Amino acid sequence: MNKQELLSRITLNPDICHGKPTIRGLRYPVENMLELLAAGMTIEELLEDYPDLEQEDILACISYASQLVHLKSIHKIAS
Protein backbone atom coordinates (compact mmCIF):
# COMPACT_ATOMS: atom_id res chain seq x y z
CA MET A 1 0.00 0.00 0.00
CA ASN A 2 1.49 3.33 -1.00
CA LYS A 3 1.59 6.49 1.11
CA GLN A 4 -1.43 8.11 -0.56
CA GLU A 5 -3.54 4.99 -0.01
CA LEU A 6 -2.52 4.97 3.64
CA LEU A 7 -3.32 8.65 4.07
CA SER A 8 -6.74 8.16 2.48
CA ARG A 9 -7.63 6.15 5.61
CA ILE A 10 -7.37 9.34 7.68
CA THR A 11 -10.57 11.33 7.51
CA LEU A 12 -11.73 14.72 8.73
CA ASN A 13 -15.40 15.24 9.52
CA PRO A 14 -16.64 18.11 11.68
CA ASP A 15 -19.40 15.83 13.01
CA ILE A 16 -17.01 13.13 14.25
CA CYS A 17 -14.69 13.72 17.22
CA HIS A 18 -15.01 17.51 16.89
CA GLY A 19 -13.38 17.44 13.47
CA LYS A 20 -10.15 15.83 14.63
CA PRO A 21 -8.46 13.44 12.19
CA THR A 22 -9.87 9.94 12.64
CA ILE A 23 -9.34 6.53 11.14
CA ARG A 24 -11.77 5.76 8.29
CA GLY A 25 -14.50 7.97 9.71
CA LEU A 26 -14.66 5.84 12.83
CA ARG A 27 -14.47 7.40 16.26
CA TYR A 28 -10.79 6.59 16.67
CA PRO A 29 -8.79 9.83 16.65
CA VAL A 30 -5.33 9.61 15.14
CA GLU A 31 -4.09 11.48 18.20
CA ASN A 32 -5.20 8.69 20.55
CA MET A 33 -3.58 5.94 18.49
CA LEU A 34 -0.30 7.88 18.38
CA GLU A 35 -0.41 8.45 22.14
CA LEU A 36 -0.92 4.73 22.74
CA LEU A 37 2.01 3.88 20.46
CA ALA A 38 4.17 6.50 22.20
CA ALA A 39 3.23 4.97 25.56
CA GLY A 40 4.70 1.68 24.40
CA MET A 41 1.80 -0.28 22.96
CA THR A 42 2.65 -2.34 19.91
CA ILE A 43 0.62 -2.38 16.73
CA GLU A 44 -0.39 -5.94 17.59
CA GLU A 45 -1.68 -4.85 21.01
CA LEU A 46 -3.67 -2.01 19.45
CA LEU A 47 -5.24 -4.40 16.97
CA GLU A 48 -6.19 -6.77 19.80
CA ASP A 49 -7.79 -3.90 21.76
CA TYR A 50 -9.51 -2.41 18.70
CA PRO A 51 -10.54 -5.38 16.52
CA ASP A 52 -12.30 -3.21 13.92
CA LEU A 53 -8.96 -1.58 13.03
CA GLU A 54 -6.41 -2.96 10.58
CA GLN A 55 -2.63 -2.74 10.56
CA GLU A 56 -2.83 -0.28 7.67
CA ASP A 57 -4.92 2.05 9.87
CA ILE A 58 -2.14 2.26 12.43
CA LEU A 59 0.46 2.75 9.70
CA ALA A 60 -1.75 5.52 8.29
CA CYS A 61 -1.66 7.28 11.66
CA ILE A 62 2.12 7.15 11.68
CA SER A 63 2.29 8.36 8.09
CA TYR A 64 -0.11 11.21 8.90
CA ALA A 65 2.09 12.29 11.83
CA SER A 66 5.12 12.12 9.56
CA GLN A 67 3.44 14.51 7.13
CA LEU A 68 2.70 16.96 9.93
CA VAL A 69 6.36 17.28 10.92
CA HIS A 70 7.21 18.28 7.36
CA LEU A 71 5.44 21.60 7.83
CA LYS A 72 7.58 24.61 6.98
CA SER A 73 7.29 26.09 10.45
CA ILE A 74 6.11 25.01 13.86
CA HIS A 75 5.15 27.55 16.50
CA LYS A 76 5.25 26.92 20.21
CA ILE A 77 1.88 27.32 21.89
CA ALA A 78 1.93 28.94 25.31
CA SER A 79 1.27 26.41 28.04
PDB file of N, CA and C in Angstrom:
ATOM      1  N   MET A   1       0.860  -1.175   0.000  1.00  0.00           N
ATOM      2  CA  MET A   1       0.000   0.000   0.000  1.00  0.00           C
ATOM      3  C   MET A   1       0.903   1.234   0.000  1.00  0.00           C
ATOM      4  N   ASN A   2       0.644   2.146  -0.932  1.00  0.00           N
ATOM      5  CA  ASN A   2       1.490   3.335  -1.000  1.00  0.00           C
ATOM      6  C   ASN A   2       1.029   4.404  -0.009  1.00  0.00           C
ATOM      7  N   LYS A   3       1.825   5.455   0.100  1.00  0.00           N
ATOM      8  CA  LYS A   3       1.590   6.492   1.107  1.00  0.00           C
ATOM      9  C   LYS A   3       0.231   7.169   0.928  1.00  0.00           C
ATOM     10  N   GLN A   4      -0.143   7.452  -0.313  1.00  0.00           N
ATOM     11  CA  GLN A   4      -1.431   8.110  -0.561  1.00  0.00           C
ATOM     12  C   GLN A   4      -2.596   7.214  -0.159  1.00  0.00           C
ATOM     13  N   GLU A   5      -2.482   5.919  -0.424  1.00  0.00           N
ATOM     14  CA  GLU A   5      -3.537   4.987  -0.014  1.00  0.00           C
ATOM     15  C   GLU A   5      -3.646   4.946   1.502  1.00  0.00           C
ATOM     16  N   LEU A   6      -2.499   4.947   2.178  1.00  0.00           N
ATOM     17  CA  LEU A   6      -2.520   4.969   3.637  1.00  0.00           C
ATOM     18  C   LEU A   6      -3.185   6.244   4.141  1.00  0.00           C
ATOM     19  N   LEU A   7      -2.782   7.380   3.602  1.00  0.00           N
ATOM     20  CA  LEU A   7      -3.320   8.651   4.071  1.00  0.00           C
ATOM     21  C   LEU A   7      -4.810   8.796   3.780  1.00  0.00           C
ATOM     22  N   SER A   8      -5.305   8.084   2.780  1.00  0.00           N
ATOM     23  CA  SER A   8      -6.739   8.163   2.481  1.00  0.00           C
ATOM     24  C   SER A   8      -7.569   7.521   3.598  1.00  0.00           C
ATOM     25  N   ARG A   9      -6.945   6.754   4.467  1.00  0.00           N
ATOM     26  CA  ARG A   9      -7.634   6.149   5.607  1.00  0.00           C
ATOM     27  C   ARG A   9      -7.888   7.161   6.722  1.00  0.00           C
ATOM     28  N   ILE A  10      -7.198   8.293   6.671  1.00  0.00           N
ATOM     29  CA  ILE A  10      -7.373   9.337   7.679  1.00  0.00           C
ATOM     30  C   ILE A  10      -8.422  10.317   7.158  1.00  0.00           C
ATOM     31  N   THR A  11      -9.467  10.495   7.944  1.00  0.00           N
ATOM     32  CA  THR A  11     -10.573  11.334   7.510  1.00  0.00           C
ATOM     33  C   THR A  11     -10.812  12.481   8.483  1.00  0.00           C
ATOM     34  N   LEU A  12     -11.362  13.553   7.936  1.00  0.00           N
ATOM     35  CA  LEU A  12     -11.733  14.723   8.729  1.00  0.00           C
ATOM     36  C   LEU A  12     -13.222  14.972   8.509  1.00  0.00           C
ATOM     37  N   ASN A  13     -13.962  14.993   9.603  1.00  0.00           N
ATOM     38  CA  ASN A  13     -15.395  15.237   9.517  1.00  0.00           C
ATOM     39  C   ASN A  13     -15.780  16.060  10.743  1.00  0.00           C
ATOM     40  N   PRO A  14     -16.313  17.256  10.534  1.00  0.00           N
ATOM     41  CA  PRO A  14     -16.638  18.108  11.685  1.00  0.00           C
ATOM     42  C   PRO A  14     -17.658  17.482  12.638  1.00  0.00           C
ATOM     43  N   ASP A  15     -18.393  16.479  12.175  1.00  0.00           N
ATOM     44  CA  ASP A  15     -19.402  15.828  13.012  1.00  0.00           C
ATOM     45  C   ASP A  15     -18.861  14.625  13.796  1.00  0.00           C
ATOM     46  N   ILE A  16     -17.607  14.282  13.556  1.00  0.00           N
ATOM     47  CA  ILE A  16     -17.007  13.134  14.248  1.00  0.00           C
ATOM     48  C   ILE A  16     -15.799  13.613  15.035  1.00  0.00           C
ATOM     49  N   CYS A  17     -15.808  13.370  16.335  1.00  0.00           N
ATOM     50  CA  CYS A  17     -14.693  13.718  17.223  1.00  0.00           C
ATOM     51  C   CYS A  17     -14.270  15.179  17.077  1.00  0.00           C
ATOM     52  N   HIS A  18     -15.255  16.060  16.969  1.00  0.00           N
ATOM     53  CA  HIS A  18     -15.014  17.507  16.893  1.00  0.00           C
ATOM     54  C   HIS A  18     -14.114  17.899  15.721  1.00  0.00           C
ATOM     55  N   GLY A  19     -14.158  17.117  14.655  1.00  0.00           N
ATOM     56  CA  GLY A  19     -13.381  17.445  13.469  1.00  0.00           C
ATOM     57  C   GLY A  19     -11.928  17.018  13.507  1.00  0.00           C
ATOM     58  N   LYS A  20     -11.529  16.308  14.563  1.00  0.00           N
ATOM     59  CA  LYS A  20     -10.149  15.829  14.632  1.00  0.00           C
ATOM     60  C   LYS A  20      -9.952  14.721  13.595  1.00  0.00           C
ATOM     61  N   PRO A  21      -8.720  14.532  13.122  1.00  0.00           N
ATOM     62  CA  PRO A  21      -8.458  13.443  12.186  1.00  0.00           C
ATOM     63  C   PRO A  21      -8.766  12.099  12.847  1.00  0.00           C
ATOM     64  N   THR A  22      -9.523  11.271  12.136  1.00  0.00           N
ATOM     65  CA  THR A  22      -9.873   9.941  12.643  1.00  0.00           C
ATOM     66  C   THR A  22      -9.532   8.892  11.603  1.00  0.00           C
ATOM     67  N   ILE A  23      -9.623   7.655  12.028  1.00  0.00           N
ATOM     68  CA  ILE A  23      -9.344   6.529  11.142  1.00  0.00           C
ATOM     69  C   ILE A  23     -10.640   6.111  10.452  1.00  0.00           C
ATOM     70  N   ARG A  24     -10.657   6.205   9.138  1.00  0.00           N
ATOM     71  CA  ARG A  24     -11.766   5.758   8.287  1.00  0.00           C
ATOM     72  C   ARG A  24     -13.141   6.235   8.749  1.00  0.00           C
ATOM     73  N   GLY A  25     -13.219   7.431   9.286  1.00  0.00           N
ATOM     74  CA  GLY A  25     -14.499   7.969   9.714  1.00  0.00           C
ATOM     75  C   GLY A  25     -15.046   7.335  10.976  1.00  0.00           C
ATOM     76  N   LEU A  26     -14.264   6.459  11.569  1.00  0.00           N
ATOM     77  CA  LEU A  26     -14.659   5.839  12.831  1.00  0.00           C
ATOM     78  C   LEU A  26     -14.309   6.803  13.959  1.00  0.00           C
ATOM     79  N   ARG A  27     -14.748   6.515  15.126  1.00  0.00           N
ATOM     80  CA  ARG A  27     -14.470   7.405  16.258  1.00  0.00           C
ATOM     81  C   ARG A  27     -13.161   7.027  16.960  1.00  0.00           C
ATOM     82  N   TYR A  28     -12.131   6.858  16.157  1.00  0.00           N
ATOM     83  CA  TYR A  28     -10.792   6.589  16.667  1.00  0.00           C
ATOM     84  C   TYR A  28      -9.885   7.722  16.206  1.00  0.00           C
ATOM     85  N   PRO A  29      -9.666   8.723  17.049  1.00  0.00           N
ATOM     86  CA  PRO A  29      -8.789   9.828  16.651  1.00  0.00           C
ATOM     87  C   PRO A  29      -7.346   9.363  16.449  1.00  0.00           C
ATOM     88  N   VAL A  30      -6.738   9.891  15.422  1.00  0.00           N
ATOM     89  CA  VAL A  30      -5.326   9.610  15.141  1.00  0.00           C
ATOM     90  C   VAL A  30      -4.496   9.927  16.384  1.00  0.00           C
ATOM     91  N   GLU A  31      -4.805  11.031  17.002  1.00  0.00           N
ATOM     92  CA  GLU A  31      -4.089  11.484  18.201  1.00  0.00           C
ATOM     93  C   GLU A  31      -4.041  10.388  19.275  1.00  0.00           C
ATOM     94  N   ASN A  32      -5.153   9.731  19.519  1.00  0.00           N
ATOM     95  CA  ASN A  32      -5.196   8.691  20.548  1.00  0.00           C
ATOM     96  C   ASN A  32      -4.330   7.493  20.179  1.00  0.00           C
ATOM     97  N   MET A  33      -4.381   7.084  18.920  1.00  0.00           N
ATOM     98  CA  MET A  33      -3.576   5.939  18.493  1.00  0.00           C
ATOM     99  C   MET A  33      -2.084   6.253  18.619  1.00  0.00           C
ATOM    100  N   LEU A  34      -1.702   7.484  18.261  1.00  0.00           N
ATOM    101  CA  LEU A  34      -0.298   7.877  18.377  1.00  0.00           C
ATOM    102  C   LEU A  34       0.140   7.932  19.835  1.00  0.00           C
ATOM    103  N   GLU A  35      -0.741   8.407  20.709  1.00  0.00           N
ATOM    104  CA  GLU A  35      -0.409   8.454  22.138  1.00  0.00           C
ATOM    105  C   GLU A  35      -0.220   7.039  22.698  1.00  0.00           C
ATOM    106  N   LEU A  36      -1.049   6.117  22.271  1.00  0.00           N
ATOM    107  CA  LEU A  36      -0.915   4.731  22.742  1.00  0.00           C
ATOM    108  C   LEU A  36       0.390   4.117  22.248  1.00  0.00           C
ATOM    109  N   LEU A  37       0.736   4.377  20.989  1.00  0.00           N
ATOM    110  CA  LEU A  37       2.011   3.885  20.460  1.00  0.00           C
ATOM    111  C   LEU A  37       3.178   4.505  21.218  1.00  0.00           C
ATOM    112  N   ALA A  38       3.103   5.808  21.473  1.00  0.00           N
ATOM    113  CA  ALA A  38       4.174   6.498  22.197  1.00  0.00           C
ATOM    114  C   ALA A  38       4.310   5.988  23.626  1.00  0.00           C
ATOM    115  N   ALA A  39       3.204   5.501  24.195  1.00  0.00           N
ATOM    116  CA  ALA A  39       3.235   4.968  25.563  1.00  0.00           C
ATOM    117  C   ALA A  39       3.801   3.551  25.602  1.00  0.00           C
ATOM    118  N   GLY A  40       4.063   2.984  24.427  1.00  0.00           N
ATOM    119  CA  GLY A  40       4.701   1.676  24.400  1.00  0.00           C
ATOM    120  C   GLY A  40       3.858   0.530  23.875  1.00  0.00           C
ATOM    121  N   MET A  41       2.609   0.797  23.529  1.00  0.00           N
ATOM    122  CA  MET A  41       1.799  -0.279  22.960  1.00  0.00           C
ATOM    123  C   MET A  41       2.340  -0.637  21.578  1.00  0.00           C
ATOM    124  N   THR A  42       2.243  -1.902  21.246  1.00  0.00           N
ATOM    125  CA  THR A  42       2.645  -2.337  19.915  1.00  0.00           C
ATOM    126  C   THR A  42       1.437  -2.283  18.987  1.00  0.00           C
ATOM    127  N   ILE A  43       1.711  -2.338  17.702  1.00  0.00           N
ATOM    128  CA  ILE A  43       0.620  -2.381  16.732  1.00  0.00           C
ATOM    129  C   ILE A  43      -0.251  -3.603  17.001  1.00  0.00           C
ATOM    130  N   GLU A  44       0.365  -4.717  17.318  1.00  0.00           N
ATOM    131  CA  GLU A  44      -0.387  -5.941  17.593  1.00  0.00           C
ATOM    132  C   GLU A  44      -1.325  -5.759  18.784  1.00  0.00           C
ATOM    133  N   GLU A  45      -0.845  -5.096  19.836  1.00  0.00           N
ATOM    134  CA  GLU A  45      -1.685  -4.853  21.008  1.00  0.00           C
ATOM    135  C   GLU A  45      -2.852  -3.935  20.673  1.00  0.00           C
ATOM    136  N   LEU A  46      -2.589  -2.911  19.870  1.00  0.00           N
ATOM    137  CA  LEU A  46      -3.669  -2.012  19.453  1.00  0.00           C
ATOM    138  C   LEU A  46      -4.729  -2.776  18.667  1.00  0.00           C
ATOM    139  N   LEU A  47      -4.289  -3.641  17.775  1.00  0.00           N
ATOM    140  CA  LEU A  47      -5.240  -4.402  16.970  1.00  0.00           C
ATOM    141  C   LEU A  47      -6.044  -5.380  17.817  1.00  0.00           C
ATOM    142  N   GLU A  48      -5.448  -5.899  18.876  1.00  0.00           N
ATOM    143  CA  GLU A  48      -6.189  -6.766  19.799  1.00  0.00           C
ATOM    144  C   GLU A  48      -7.237  -5.962  20.562  1.00  0.00           C
ATOM    145  N   ASP A  49      -6.877  -4.748  20.995  1.00  0.00           N
ATOM    146  CA  ASP A  49      -7.790  -3.903  21.764  1.00  0.00           C
ATOM    147  C   ASP A  49      -8.873  -3.269  20.896  1.00  0.00           C
ATOM    148  N   TYR A  50      -8.576  -3.057  19.621  1.00  0.00           N
ATOM    149  CA  TYR A  50      -9.510  -2.413  18.699  1.00  0.00           C
ATOM    150  C   TYR A  50      -9.673  -3.309  17.465  1.00  0.00           C
ATOM    151  N   PRO A  51     -10.453  -4.376  17.582  1.00  0.00           N
ATOM    152  CA  PRO A  51     -10.541  -5.377  16.515  1.00  0.00           C
ATOM    153  C   PRO A  51     -11.115  -4.864  15.193  1.00  0.00           C
ATOM    154  N   ASP A  52     -11.790  -3.724  15.186  1.00  0.00           N
ATOM    155  CA  ASP A  52     -12.301  -3.207  13.920  1.00  0.00           C
ATOM    156  C   ASP A  52     -11.255  -2.388  13.162  1.00  0.00           C
ATOM    157  N   LEU A  53     -10.049  -2.250  13.729  1.00  0.00           N
ATOM    158  CA  LEU A  53      -8.956  -1.578  13.033  1.00  0.00           C
ATOM    159  C   LEU A  53      -8.067  -2.601  12.342  1.00  0.00           C
ATOM    160  N   GLU A  54      -7.341  -2.119  11.343  1.00  0.00           N
ATOM    161  CA  GLU A  54      -6.406  -2.958  10.582  1.00  0.00           C
ATOM    162  C   GLU A  54      -5.003  -2.376  10.715  1.00  0.00           C
ATOM    163  N   GLN A  55      -4.018  -3.201  10.446  1.00  0.00           N
ATOM    164  CA  GLN A  55      -2.632  -2.743  10.558  1.00  0.00           C
ATOM    165  C   GLN A  55      -2.404  -1.492   9.714  1.00  0.00           C
ATOM    166  N   GLU A  56      -2.995  -1.442   8.535  1.00  0.00           N
ATOM    167  CA  GLU A  56      -2.830  -0.281   7.667  1.00  0.00           C
ATOM    168  C   GLU A  56      -3.370   0.997   8.309  1.00  0.00           C
ATOM    169  N   ASP A  57      -4.385   0.877   9.172  1.00  0.00           N
ATOM    170  CA  ASP A  57      -4.924   2.046   9.869  1.00  0.00           C
ATOM    171  C   ASP A  57      -3.881   2.654  10.798  1.00  0.00           C
ATOM    172  N   ILE A  58      -3.171   1.786  11.504  1.00  0.00           N
ATOM    173  CA  ILE A  58      -2.138   2.265  12.429  1.00  0.00           C
ATOM    174  C   ILE A  58      -0.974   2.865  11.639  1.00  0.00           C
ATOM    175  N   LEU A  59      -0.602   2.212  10.555  1.00  0.00           N
ATOM    176  CA  LEU A  59       0.463   2.752   9.701  1.00  0.00           C
ATOM    177  C   LEU A  59       0.041   4.092   9.105  1.00  0.00           C
ATOM    178  N   ALA A  60      -1.242   4.239   8.806  1.00  0.00           N
ATOM    179  CA  ALA A  60      -1.752   5.517   8.288  1.00  0.00           C
ATOM    180  C   ALA A  60      -1.601   6.619   9.327  1.00  0.00           C
ATOM    181  N   CYS A  61      -1.839   6.297  10.587  1.00  0.00           N
ATOM    182  CA  CYS A  61      -1.663   7.285  11.665  1.00  0.00           C
ATOM    183  C   CYS A  61      -0.218   7.754  11.731  1.00  0.00           C
ATOM    184  N   ILE A  62       0.700   6.813  11.637  1.00  0.00           N
ATOM    185  CA  ILE A  62       2.125   7.153  11.684  1.00  0.00           C
ATOM    186  C   ILE A  62       2.506   7.989  10.467  1.00  0.00           C
ATOM    187  N   SER A  63       2.003   7.617   9.315  1.00  0.00           N
ATOM    188  CA  SER A  63       2.288   8.361   8.093  1.00  0.00           C
ATOM    189  C   SER A  63       1.712   9.778   8.169  1.00  0.00           C
ATOM    190  N   TYR A  64       0.521   9.904   8.734  1.00  0.00           N
ATOM    191  CA  TYR A  64      -0.107  11.215   8.904  1.00  0.00           C
ATOM    192  C   TYR A  64       0.755  12.098   9.812  1.00  0.00           C
ATOM    193  N   ALA A  65       1.222  11.530  10.912  1.00  0.00           N
ATOM    194  CA  ALA A  65       2.089  12.287  11.828  1.00  0.00           C
ATOM    195  C   ALA A  65       3.379  12.694  11.129  1.00  0.00           C
ATOM    196  N   SER A  66       3.902  11.815  10.308  1.00  0.00           N
ATOM    197  CA  SER A  66       5.121  12.121   9.563  1.00  0.00           C
ATOM    198  C   SER A  66       4.906  13.312   8.639  1.00  0.00           C
ATOM    199  N   GLN A  67       3.746  13.380   8.004  1.00  0.00           N
ATOM    200  CA  GLN A  67       3.436  14.513   7.128  1.00  0.00           C
ATOM    201  C   GLN A  67       3.367  15.817   7.917  1.00  0.00           C
ATOM    202  N   LEU A  68       2.836  15.750   9.123  1.00  0.00           N
ATOM    203  CA  LEU A  68       2.703  16.958   9.933  1.00  0.00           C
ATOM    204  C   LEU A  68       4.054  17.561  10.307  1.00  0.00           C
ATOM    205  N   VAL A  69       5.058  16.727  10.533  1.00  0.00           N
ATOM    206  CA  VAL A  69       6.359  17.277  10.921  1.00  0.00           C
ATOM    207  C   VAL A  69       7.119  17.847   9.730  1.00  0.00           C
ATOM    208  N   HIS A  70       6.586  17.681   8.542  1.00  0.00           N
ATOM    209  CA  HIS A  70       7.206  18.275   7.358  1.00  0.00           C
ATOM    210  C   HIS A  70       6.699  19.689   7.081  1.00  0.00           C
ATOM    211  N   LEU A  71       5.917  20.235   7.988  1.00  0.00           N
ATOM    212  CA  LEU A  71       5.443  21.601   7.828  1.00  0.00           C
ATOM    213  C   LEU A  71       6.633  22.554   7.791  1.00  0.00           C
ATOM    214  N   LYS A  72       6.476  23.657   7.116  1.00  0.00           N
ATOM    215  CA  LYS A  72       7.582  24.609   6.982  1.00  0.00           C
ATOM    216  C   LYS A  72       7.944  25.282   8.292  1.00  0.00           C
ATOM    217  N   SER A  73       6.970  25.483   9.162  1.00  0.00           N
ATOM    218  CA  SER A  73       7.285  26.085  10.455  1.00  0.00           C
ATOM    219  C   SER A  73       6.345  25.546  11.518  1.00  0.00           C
ATOM    220  N   ILE A  74       6.879  25.457  12.713  1.00  0.00           N
ATOM    221  CA  ILE A  74       6.106  25.007  13.855  1.00  0.00           C
ATOM    222  C   ILE A  74       6.245  26.077  14.919  1.00  0.00           C
ATOM    223  N   HIS A  75       5.149  26.490  15.492  1.00  0.00           N
ATOM    224  CA  HIS A  75       5.155  27.548  16.498  1.00  0.00           C
ATOM    225  C   HIS A  75       4.784  26.973  17.848  1.00  0.00           C
ATOM    226  N   LYS A  76       5.532  27.361  18.862  1.00  0.00           N
ATOM    227  CA  LYS A  76       5.248  26.915  20.213  1.00  0.00           C
ATOM    228  C   LYS A  76       3.971  27.589  20.706  1.00  0.00           C
ATOM    229  N   ILE A  77       3.112  26.793  21.311  1.00  0.00           N
ATOM    230  CA  ILE A  77       1.878  27.319  21.885  1.00  0.00           C
ATOM    231  C   ILE A  77       2.116  27.505  23.371  1.00  0.00           C
ATOM    232  N   ALA A  78       1.739  28.664  23.882  1.00  0.00           N
ATOM    233  CA  ALA A  78       1.935  28.936  25.312  1.00  0.00           C
ATOM    234  C   ALA A  78       1.223  27.883  26.141  1.00  0.00           C
ATOM    235  N   SER A  79       1.887  27.425  27.185  1.00  0.00           N
ATOM    236  CA  SER A  79       1.272  26.406  28.035  1.00  0.00           C
ATOM    237  C   SER A  79       0.827  26.972  29.360  1.00  0.00           C
TER     238      SER A  79
END
